[in-house]
PDB file of N, CA and C in Angstrom:
ATOM      1  N   MET A   1      46.634  -3.940  23.783  1.00  0.00           N
ATOM      2  CA  MET A   1      45.831  -3.174  22.850  1.00  0.00           C
ATOM      3  C   MET A   1      46.422  -1.775  22.734  1.00  0.00           C
ATOM      4  N   ARG A   2      46.423  -1.305  21.503  1.00  0.00           N
ATOM      5  CA  ARG A   2      46.960   0.029  21.235  1.00  0.00           C
ATOM      6  C   ARG A   2      45.894   0.832  20.496  1.00  0.00           C
ATOM      7  N   PHE A   3      45.370   1.828  21.154  1.00  0.00           N
ATOM      8  CA  PHE A   3      44.307   2.655  20.598  1.00  0.00           C
ATOM      9  C   PHE A   3      44.904   3.931  20.013  1.00  0.00           C
ATOM     10  N   SER A   4      44.484   4.261  18.804  1.00  0.00           N
ATOM     11  CA  SER A   4      44.991   5.444  18.122  1.00  0.00           C
ATOM     12  C   SER A   4      43.813   6.301  17.660  1.00  0.00           C
ATOM     13  N   ASP A   5      43.643   7.453  18.300  1.00  0.00           N
ATOM     14  CA  ASP A   5      42.550   8.361  17.946  1.00  0.00           C
ATOM     15  C   ASP A   5      42.832   9.050  16.612  1.00  0.00           C
ATOM     16  N   VAL A   6      41.793   9.158  15.787  1.00  0.00           N
ATOM     17  CA  VAL A   6      41.897   9.944  14.559  1.00  0.00           C
ATOM     18  C   VAL A   6      41.070  11.222  14.669  1.00  0.00           C
ATOM     19  N   PHE A   7      40.152  11.244  15.651  1.00  0.00           N
ATOM     20  CA  PHE A   7      39.334  12.433  15.891  1.00  0.00           C
ATOM     21  C   PHE A   7      39.001  12.491  17.370  1.00  0.00           C
ATOM     22  N   VAL A   8      39.086  13.687  17.938  1.00  0.00           N
ATOM     23  CA  VAL A   8      38.731  13.902  19.346  1.00  0.00           C
ATOM     24  C   VAL A   8      37.814  15.106  19.436  1.00  0.00           C
ATOM     25  N   SER A   9      36.675  14.935  20.106  1.00  0.00           N
ATOM     26  CA  SER A   9      35.776  16.047  20.374  1.00  0.00           C
ATOM     27  C   SER A   9      35.843  16.349  21.871  1.00  0.00           C
ATOM     28  N   GLN A  10      36.555  17.415  22.205  1.00  0.00           N
ATOM     29  CA  GLN A  10      36.609  17.804  23.610  1.00  0.00           C
ATOM     30  C   GLN A  10      35.261  18.353  24.065  1.00  0.00           C
ATOM     31  N   GLU A  11      34.559  18.997  23.154  1.00  0.00           N
ATOM     32  CA  GLU A  11      33.253  19.575  23.482  1.00  0.00           C
ATOM     33  C   GLU A  11      32.248  18.494  23.870  1.00  0.00           C
ATOM     34  N   ASP A  12      32.179  17.426  23.076  1.00  0.00           N
ATOM     35  CA  ASP A  12      31.192  16.369  23.322  1.00  0.00           C
ATOM     36  C   ASP A  12      31.785  15.164  24.043  1.00  0.00           C
ATOM     37  N   ARG A  13      33.092  15.208  24.333  1.00  0.00           N
ATOM     38  CA  ARG A  13      33.775  14.207  25.147  1.00  0.00           C
ATOM     39  C   ARG A  13      33.696  12.802  24.562  1.00  0.00           C
ATOM     40  N   TYR A  14      34.228  12.653  23.354  1.00  0.00           N
ATOM     41  CA  TYR A  14      34.369  11.335  22.756  1.00  0.00           C
ATOM     42  C   TYR A  14      35.509  11.377  21.754  1.00  0.00           C
ATOM     43  N   SER A  15      35.967  10.195  21.362  1.00  0.00           N
ATOM     44  CA  SER A  15      36.975  10.105  20.313  1.00  0.00           C
ATOM     45  C   SER A  15      36.644   8.929  19.402  1.00  0.00           C
ATOM     46  N   ILE A  16      37.168   9.004  18.193  1.00  0.00           N
ATOM     47  CA  ILE A  16      37.002   7.960  17.190  1.00  0.00           C
ATOM     48  C   ILE A  16      38.403   7.559  16.741  1.00  0.00           C
ATOM     49  N   GLY A  17      38.615   6.265  16.576  1.00  0.00           N
ATOM     50  CA  GLY A  17      39.931   5.820  16.146  1.00  0.00           C
ATOM     51  C   GLY A  17      39.944   4.362  15.771  1.00  0.00           C
ATOM     52  N   THR A  18      41.160   3.801  15.772  1.00  0.00           N
ATOM     53  CA  THR A  18      41.369   2.409  15.398  1.00  0.00           C
ATOM     54  C   THR A  18      42.264   1.738  16.429  1.00  0.00           C
ATOM     55  N   GLU A  19      41.890   0.537  16.830  1.00  0.00           N
ATOM     56  CA  GLU A  19      42.739  -0.281  17.677  1.00  0.00           C
ATOM     57  C   GLU A  19      43.755  -0.917  16.742  1.00  0.00           C
ATOM     58  N   LEU A  20      45.028  -0.599  16.937  1.00  0.00           N
ATOM     59  CA  LEU A  20      46.054  -0.915  15.954  1.00  0.00           C
ATOM     60  C   LEU A  20      46.356  -2.403  15.814  1.00  0.00           C
ATOM     61  N   ASP A  21      46.249  -3.183  16.864  1.00  0.00           N
ATOM     62  CA  ASP A  21      46.572  -4.608  16.782  1.00  0.00           C
ATOM     63  C   ASP A  21      45.534  -5.392  15.990  1.00  0.00           C
ATOM     64  N   SER A  22      44.263  -5.051  16.162  1.00  0.00           N
ATOM     65  CA  SER A  22      43.189  -5.798  15.492  1.00  0.00           C
ATOM     66  C   SER A  22      42.629  -5.077  14.266  1.00  0.00           C
ATOM     67  N   GLY A  23      42.869  -3.760  14.179  1.00  0.00           N
ATOM     68  CA  GLY A  23      42.286  -2.975  13.091  1.00  0.00           C
ATOM     69  C   GLY A  23      40.841  -2.593  13.333  1.00  0.00           C
ATOM     70  N   THR A  24      40.342  -2.840  14.532  1.00  0.00           N
ATOM     71  CA  THR A  24      38.957  -2.536  14.880  1.00  0.00           C
ATOM     72  C   THR A  24      38.773  -1.038  15.064  1.00  0.00           C
ATOM     73  N   ASP A  25      37.773  -0.485  14.398  1.00  0.00           N
ATOM     74  CA  ASP A  25      37.419   0.917  14.623  1.00  0.00           C
ATOM     75  C   ASP A  25      36.653   1.024  15.936  1.00  0.00           C
ATOM     76  N   TYR A  26      36.772   2.170  16.593  1.00  0.00           N
ATOM     77  CA  TYR A  26      36.092   2.361  17.870  1.00  0.00           C
ATOM     78  C   TYR A  26      35.629   3.799  18.030  1.00  0.00           C
ATOM     79  N   ILE A  27      34.720   3.945  18.974  1.00  0.00           N
ATOM     80  CA  ILE A  27      34.371   5.250  19.522  1.00  0.00           C
ATOM     81  C   ILE A  27      34.547   5.095  21.022  1.00  0.00           C
ATOM     82  N   SER A  28      35.132   6.088  21.681  1.00  0.00           N
ATOM     83  CA  SER A  28      35.396   5.958  23.114  1.00  0.00           C
ATOM     84  C   SER A  28      34.841   7.150  23.869  1.00  0.00           C
ATOM     85  N   ILE A  29      34.538   6.885  25.144  1.00  0.00           N
ATOM     86  CA  ILE A  29      34.041   7.937  26.035  1.00  0.00           C
ATOM     87  C   ILE A  29      34.815   7.877  27.343  1.00  0.00           C
ATOM     88  N   PRO A  30      35.042   9.024  27.977  1.00  0.00           N
ATOM     89  CA  PRO A  30      35.713   9.016  29.281  1.00  0.00           C
ATOM     90  C   PRO A  30      34.739   8.625  30.384  1.00  0.00           C
ATOM     91  N   VAL A  31      35.243   7.846  31.342  1.00  0.00           N
ATOM     92  CA  VAL A  31      34.466   7.443  32.511  1.00  0.00           C
ATOM     93  C   VAL A  31      35.356   7.535  33.745  1.00  0.00           C
ATOM     94  N   SER A  32      34.735   7.540  34.902  1.00  0.00           N
ATOM     95  CA  SER A  32      35.471   7.586  36.158  1.00  0.00           C
ATOM     96  C   SER A  32      34.752   6.716  37.182  1.00  0.00           C
ATOM     97  N   ASN A  33      35.533   5.981  37.986  1.00  0.00           N
ATOM     98  CA  ASN A  33      34.909   5.182  39.044  1.00  0.00           C
ATOM     99  C   ASN A  33      35.257   5.710  40.442  1.00  0.00           C
ATOM    100  N   GLY A  34      35.772   6.931  40.515  1.00  0.00           N
ATOM    101  CA  GLY A  34      36.126   7.524  41.799  1.00  0.00           C
ATOM    102  C   GLY A  34      37.578   7.286  42.170  1.00  0.00           C
ATOM    103  N   LEU A  35      38.161   6.206  41.679  1.00  0.00           N
ATOM    104  CA  LEU A  35      39.567   5.905  41.937  1.00  0.00           C
ATOM    105  C   LEU A  35      40.440   6.231  40.738  1.00  0.00           C
ATOM    106  N   VAL A  36      39.891   6.034  39.560  1.00  0.00           N
ATOM    107  CA  VAL A  36      40.666   6.226  38.346  1.00  0.00           C
ATOM    108  C   VAL A  36      39.747   6.692  37.215  1.00  0.00           C
ATOM    109  N   ASP A  37      40.285   7.543  36.368  1.00  0.00           N
ATOM    110  CA  ASP A  37      39.595   7.951  35.148  1.00  0.00           C
ATOM    111  C   ASP A  37      40.139   7.103  34.009  1.00  0.00           C
ATOM    112  N   TYR A  38      39.260   6.639  33.134  1.00  0.00           N
ATOM    113  CA  TYR A  38      39.686   5.817  32.005  1.00  0.00           C
ATOM    114  C   TYR A  38      38.686   5.976  30.868  1.00  0.00           C
ATOM    115  N   GLU A  39      38.927   5.284  29.778  1.00  0.00           N
ATOM    116  CA  GLU A  39      38.022   5.343  28.641  1.00  0.00           C
ATOM    117  C   GLU A  39      37.391   3.982  28.398  1.00  0.00           C
ATOM    118  N   GLU A  40      36.144   4.005  27.969  1.00  0.00           N
ATOM    119  CA  GLU A  40      35.489   2.799  27.490  1.00  0.00           C
ATOM    120  C   GLU A  40      35.506   2.868  25.965  1.00  0.00           C
ATOM    121  N   TYR A  41      35.885   1.766  25.338  1.00  0.00           N
ATOM    122  CA  TYR A  41      36.011   1.687  23.888  1.00  0.00           C
ATOM    123  C   TYR A  41      34.924   0.780  23.331  1.00  0.00           C
ATOM    124  N   TYR A  42      34.153   1.301  22.378  1.00  0.00           N
ATOM    125  CA  TYR A  42      33.062   0.573  21.748  1.00  0.00           C
ATOM    126  C   TYR A  42      33.424   0.291  20.292  1.00  0.00           C
ATOM    127  N   ALA A  43      33.374  -0.971  19.887  1.00  0.00           N
ATOM    128  CA  ALA A  43      33.679  -1.350  18.512  1.00  0.00           C
ATOM    129  C   ALA A  43      32.589  -0.812  17.579  1.00  0.00           C
ATOM    130  N   ILE A  44      33.020  -0.215  16.488  1.00  0.00           N
ATOM    131  CA  ILE A  44      32.095   0.252  15.458  1.00  0.00           C
ATOM    132  C   ILE A  44      32.595  -0.246  14.110  1.00  0.00           C
ATOM    133  N   SER A  45      31.712  -0.301  13.150  1.00  0.00           N
ATOM    134  CA  SER A  45      32.083  -0.753  11.810  1.00  0.00           C
ATOM    135  C   SER A  45      32.832   0.365  11.083  1.00  0.00           C
ATOM    136  N   PRO A  46      33.582   0.014  10.043  1.00  0.00           N
ATOM    137  CA  PRO A  46      34.224   1.063   9.245  1.00  0.00           C
ATOM    138  C   PRO A  46      33.205   2.047   8.661  1.00  0.00           C
ATOM    139  N   GLN A  47      32.025   1.557   8.319  1.00  0.00           N
ATOM    140  CA  GLN A  47      30.976   2.426   7.777  1.00  0.00           C
ATOM    141  C   GLN A  47      30.477   3.403   8.844  1.00  0.00           C
ATOM    142  N   GLN A  48      30.320   2.915  10.066  1.00  0.00           N
ATOM    143  CA  GLN A  48      29.915   3.805  11.155  1.00  0.00           C
ATOM    144  C   GLN A  48      30.997   4.837  11.418  1.00  0.00           C
ATOM    145  N   SER A  49      32.249   4.415  11.399  1.00  0.00           N
ATOM    146  CA  SER A  49      33.344   5.345  11.621  1.00  0.00           C
ATOM    147  C   SER A  49      33.311   6.475  10.597  1.00  0.00           C
ATOM    148  N   GLU A  50      33.166   6.129   9.337  1.00  0.00           N
ATOM    149  CA  GLU A  50      33.083   7.139   8.280  1.00  0.00           C
ATOM    150  C   GLU A  50      31.892   8.061   8.492  1.00  0.00           C
ATOM    151  N   ALA A  51      30.738   7.468   8.822  1.00  0.00           N
ATOM    152  CA  ALA A  51      29.526   8.263   9.026  1.00  0.00           C
ATOM    153  C   ALA A  51      29.684   9.204  10.220  1.00  0.00           C
ATOM    154  N   PHE A  52      30.253   8.705  11.320  1.00  0.00           N
ATOM    155  CA  PHE A  52      30.419   9.531  12.514  1.00  0.00           C
ATOM    156  C   PHE A  52      31.434  10.648  12.289  1.00  0.00           C
ATOM    157  N   LEU A  53      32.456  10.382  11.481  1.00  0.00           N
ATOM    158  CA  LEU A  53      33.432  11.429  11.169  1.00  0.00           C
ATOM    159  C   LEU A  53      32.812  12.505  10.278  1.00  0.00           C
ATOM    160  N   ALA A  54      31.869  12.104   9.438  1.00  0.00           N
ATOM    161  CA  ALA A  54      31.231  13.044   8.515  1.00  0.00           C
ATOM    162  C   ALA A  54      30.061  13.787   9.152  1.00  0.00           C
ATOM    163  N   GLU A  55      29.405  13.165  10.125  1.00  0.00           N
ATOM    164  CA  GLU A  55      28.176  13.736  10.689  1.00  0.00           C
ATOM    165  C   GLU A  55      28.247  13.718  12.215  1.00  0.00           C
ATOM    166  N   ARG A  56      28.621  14.839  12.793  1.00  0.00           N
ATOM    167  CA  ARG A  56      28.789  14.958  14.243  1.00  0.00           C
ATOM    168  C   ARG A  56      27.509  14.601  15.001  1.00  0.00           C
ATOM    169  N   THR A  57      26.363  14.981  14.476  1.00  0.00           N
ATOM    170  CA  THR A  57      25.097  14.704  15.166  1.00  0.00           C
ATOM    171  C   THR A  57      24.884  13.202  15.354  1.00  0.00           C
ATOM    172  N   ALA A  58      25.189  12.422  14.338  1.00  0.00           N
ATOM    173  CA  ALA A  58      25.043  10.966  14.436  1.00  0.00           C
ATOM    174  C   ALA A  58      26.014  10.407  15.472  1.00  0.00           C
ATOM    175  N   ALA A  59      27.237  10.930  15.492  1.00  0.00           N
ATOM    176  CA  ALA A  59      28.225  10.468  16.460  1.00  0.00           C
ATOM    177  C   ALA A  59      27.771  10.778  17.884  1.00  0.00           C
ATOM    178  N   VAL A  60      27.298  11.986  18.109  1.00  0.00           N
ATOM    179  CA  VAL A  60      26.873  12.382  19.454  1.00  0.00           C
ATOM    180  C   VAL A  60      25.680  11.544  19.906  1.00  0.00           C
ATOM    181  N   GLU A  61      24.769  11.238  19.016  1.00  0.00           N
ATOM    182  CA  GLU A  61      23.623  10.393  19.361  1.00  0.00           C
ATOM    183  C   GLU A  61      24.106   9.005  19.802  1.00  0.00           C
ATOM    184  N   PHE A  62      25.043   8.430  19.058  1.00  0.00           N
ATOM    185  CA  PHE A  62      25.592   7.128  19.415  1.00  0.00           C
ATOM    186  C   PHE A  62      26.330   7.193  20.750  1.00  0.00           C
ATOM    187  N   VAL A  63      27.110   8.240  20.957  1.00  0.00           N
ATOM    188  CA  VAL A  63      27.852   8.428  22.205  1.00  0.00           C
ATOM    189  C   VAL A  63      26.889   8.504  23.393  1.00  0.00           C
ATOM    190  N   GLU A  64      25.811   9.229  23.244  1.00  0.00           N
ATOM    191  CA  GLU A  64      24.831   9.327  24.336  1.00  0.00           C
ATOM    192  C   GLU A  64      24.213   7.968  24.638  1.00  0.00           C
ATOM    193  N   GLU A  65      23.983   7.158  23.613  1.00  0.00           N
ATOM    194  CA  GLU A  65      23.478   5.796  23.832  1.00  0.00           C
ATOM    195  C   GLU A  65      24.515   4.960  24.585  1.00  0.00           C
ATOM    196  N   CYS A  66      25.784   5.138  24.252  1.00  0.00           N
ATOM    197  CA  CYS A  66      26.853   4.435  24.977  1.00  0.00           C
ATOM    198  C   CYS A  66      26.866   4.857  26.446  1.00  0.00           C
ATOM    199  N   ARG A  67      26.695   6.132  26.699  1.00  0.00           N
ATOM    200  CA  ARG A  67      26.672   6.629  28.086  1.00  0.00           C
ATOM    201  C   ARG A  67      25.513   6.040  28.875  1.00  0.00           C
ATOM    202  N   ARG A  68      24.435   5.689  28.177  1.00  0.00           N
ATOM    203  CA  ARG A  68      23.270   5.055  28.823  1.00  0.00           C
ATOM    204  C   ARG A  68      23.396   3.525  28.823  1.00  0.00           C
ATOM    205  N   HIS A  69      24.573   3.019  28.453  1.00  0.00           N
ATOM    206  CA  HIS A  69      24.884   1.583  28.440  1.00  0.00           C
ATOM    207  C   HIS A  69      24.030   0.800  27.449  1.00  0.00           C
ATOM    208  N   GLN A  70      23.582   1.438  26.395  1.00  0.00           N
ATOM    209  CA  GLN A  70      22.751   0.765  25.398  1.00  0.00           C
ATOM    210  C   GLN A  70      23.573  -0.020  24.378  1.00  0.00           C
ATOM    211  N   HIS A  71      24.892   0.143  24.389  1.00  0.00           N
ATOM    212  CA  HIS A  71      25.747  -0.575  23.440  1.00  0.00           C
ATOM    213  C   HIS A  71      26.838  -1.363  24.167  1.00  0.00           C
ATOM    214  N   ASP A  72      26.535  -1.837  25.365  1.00  0.00           N
ATOM    215  CA  ASP A  72      27.539  -2.572  26.137  1.00  0.00           C
ATOM    216  C   ASP A  72      28.021  -3.825  25.423  1.00  0.00           C
ATOM    217  N   ASP A  73      27.219  -4.365  24.532  1.00  0.00           N
ATOM    218  CA  ASP A  73      27.631  -5.543  23.769  1.00  0.00           C
ATOM    219  C   ASP A  73      28.796  -5.223  22.826  1.00  0.00           C
ATOM    220  N   LEU A  74      29.049  -3.944  22.572  1.00  0.00           N
ATOM    221  CA  LEU A  74      30.117  -3.523  21.674  1.00  0.00           C
ATOM    222  C   LEU A  74      31.404  -3.147  22.397  1.00  0.00           C
ATOM    223  N   LEU A  75      31.419  -3.237  23.725  1.00  0.00           N
ATOM    224  CA  LEU A  75      32.616  -2.876  24.489  1.00  0.00           C
ATOM    225  C   LEU A  75      33.788  -3.773  24.092  1.00  0.00           C
ATOM    226  N   ILE A  76      34.903  -3.155  23.768  1.00  0.00           N
ATOM    227  CA  ILE A  76      36.093  -3.911  23.400  1.00  0.00           C
ATOM    228  C   ILE A  76      36.726  -4.537  24.638  1.00  0.00           C
ATOM    229  N   GLN A  77      36.760  -3.809  25.729  1.00  0.00           N
ATOM    230  CA  GLN A  77      37.244  -4.316  27.009  1.00  0.00           C
ATOM    231  C   GLN A  77      36.079  -4.267  27.983  1.00  0.00           C
ATOM    232  N   LYS A  78      35.694  -5.413  28.504  1.00  0.00           N
ATOM    233  CA  LYS A  78      34.567  -5.470  29.426  1.00  0.00           C
ATOM    234  C   LYS A  78      34.960  -4.843  30.760  1.00  0.00           C
ATOM    235  N   PRO A  79      34.062  -4.046  31.352  1.00  0.00           N
ATOM    236  CA  PRO A  79      34.378  -3.387  32.625  1.00  0.00           C
ATOM    237  C   PRO A  79      34.386  -4.368  33.790  1.00  0.00           C
ATOM    238  N   GLY A  80      35.107  -3.993  34.828  1.00  0.00           N
ATOM    239  CA  GLY A  80      35.143  -4.791  36.046  1.00  0.00           C
ATOM    240  C   GLY A  80      33.918  -4.531  36.911  1.00  0.00           C
ATOM    241  N   THR A  81      33.970  -4.978  38.132  1.00  0.00           N
ATOM    242  CA  THR A  81      32.833  -4.833  39.039  1.00  0.00           C
ATOM    243  C   THR A  81      32.632  -3.389  39.480  1.00  0.00           C
ATOM    244  N   ASN A  82      33.696  -2.590  39.479  1.00  0.00           N
ATOM    245  CA  ASN A  82      33.607  -1.180  39.877  1.00  0.00           C
ATOM    246  C   ASN A  82      33.602  -0.307  38.617  1.00  0.00           C
ATOM    247  N   ARG A  83      32.579  -0.498  37.793  1.00  0.00           N
ATOM    248  CA  ARG A  83      32.501   0.200  36.524  1.00  0.00           C
ATOM    249  C   ARG A  83      32.322   1.701  36.753  1.00  0.00           C
ATOM    250  N   GLY A  84      33.023   2.482  35.951  1.00  0.00           N
ATOM    251  CA  GLY A  84      32.929   3.926  36.051  1.00  0.00           C
ATOM    252  C   GLY A  84      31.649   4.473  35.462  1.00  0.00           C
ATOM    253  N   THR A  85      31.406   5.717  35.751  1.00  0.00           N
ATOM    254  CA  THR A  85      30.273   6.418  35.177  1.00  0.00           C
ATOM    255  C   THR A  85      30.803   7.478  34.201  1.00  0.00           C
ATOM    256  N   PRO A  86      30.044   7.759  33.145  1.00  0.00           N
ATOM    257  CA  PRO A  86      30.511   8.746  32.166  1.00  0.00           C
ATOM    258  C   PRO A  86      30.756  10.114  32.794  1.00  0.00           C
ATOM    259  N   VAL A  87      31.803  10.773  32.321  1.00  0.00           N
ATOM    260  CA  VAL A  87      32.107  12.126  32.788  1.00  0.00           C
ATOM    261  C   VAL A  87      31.946  13.111  31.662  1.00  0.00           C
TER     262      VAL A  87
END
C-alpha cells in the first residue's frame, strides 16, 4: 500500500489523502503502542474527502470519532493485538 497525503494538519494531528494502489481516499491519525509510532488509515468516500478538505470542523469531528474507535469498521489496515493509542 502506498499512501499519499494531500493535506496534513499538524495542529489537529491528522492527514487526508489517497491510497495510490486502490484509489481509496483516507483520513489518518498518528498512534503509538509504546514500541513504535504509526498511523491508522480510515477509508472515506470521495465526498467526505472533499467535505473534510473544505470544512476543518467536520474533519476534526470525524478524527475525534476515529480516536474513540467509533469508525474501526473503516480501518484500511486492521490493527494487531498490541494496538496503539492516539497521540
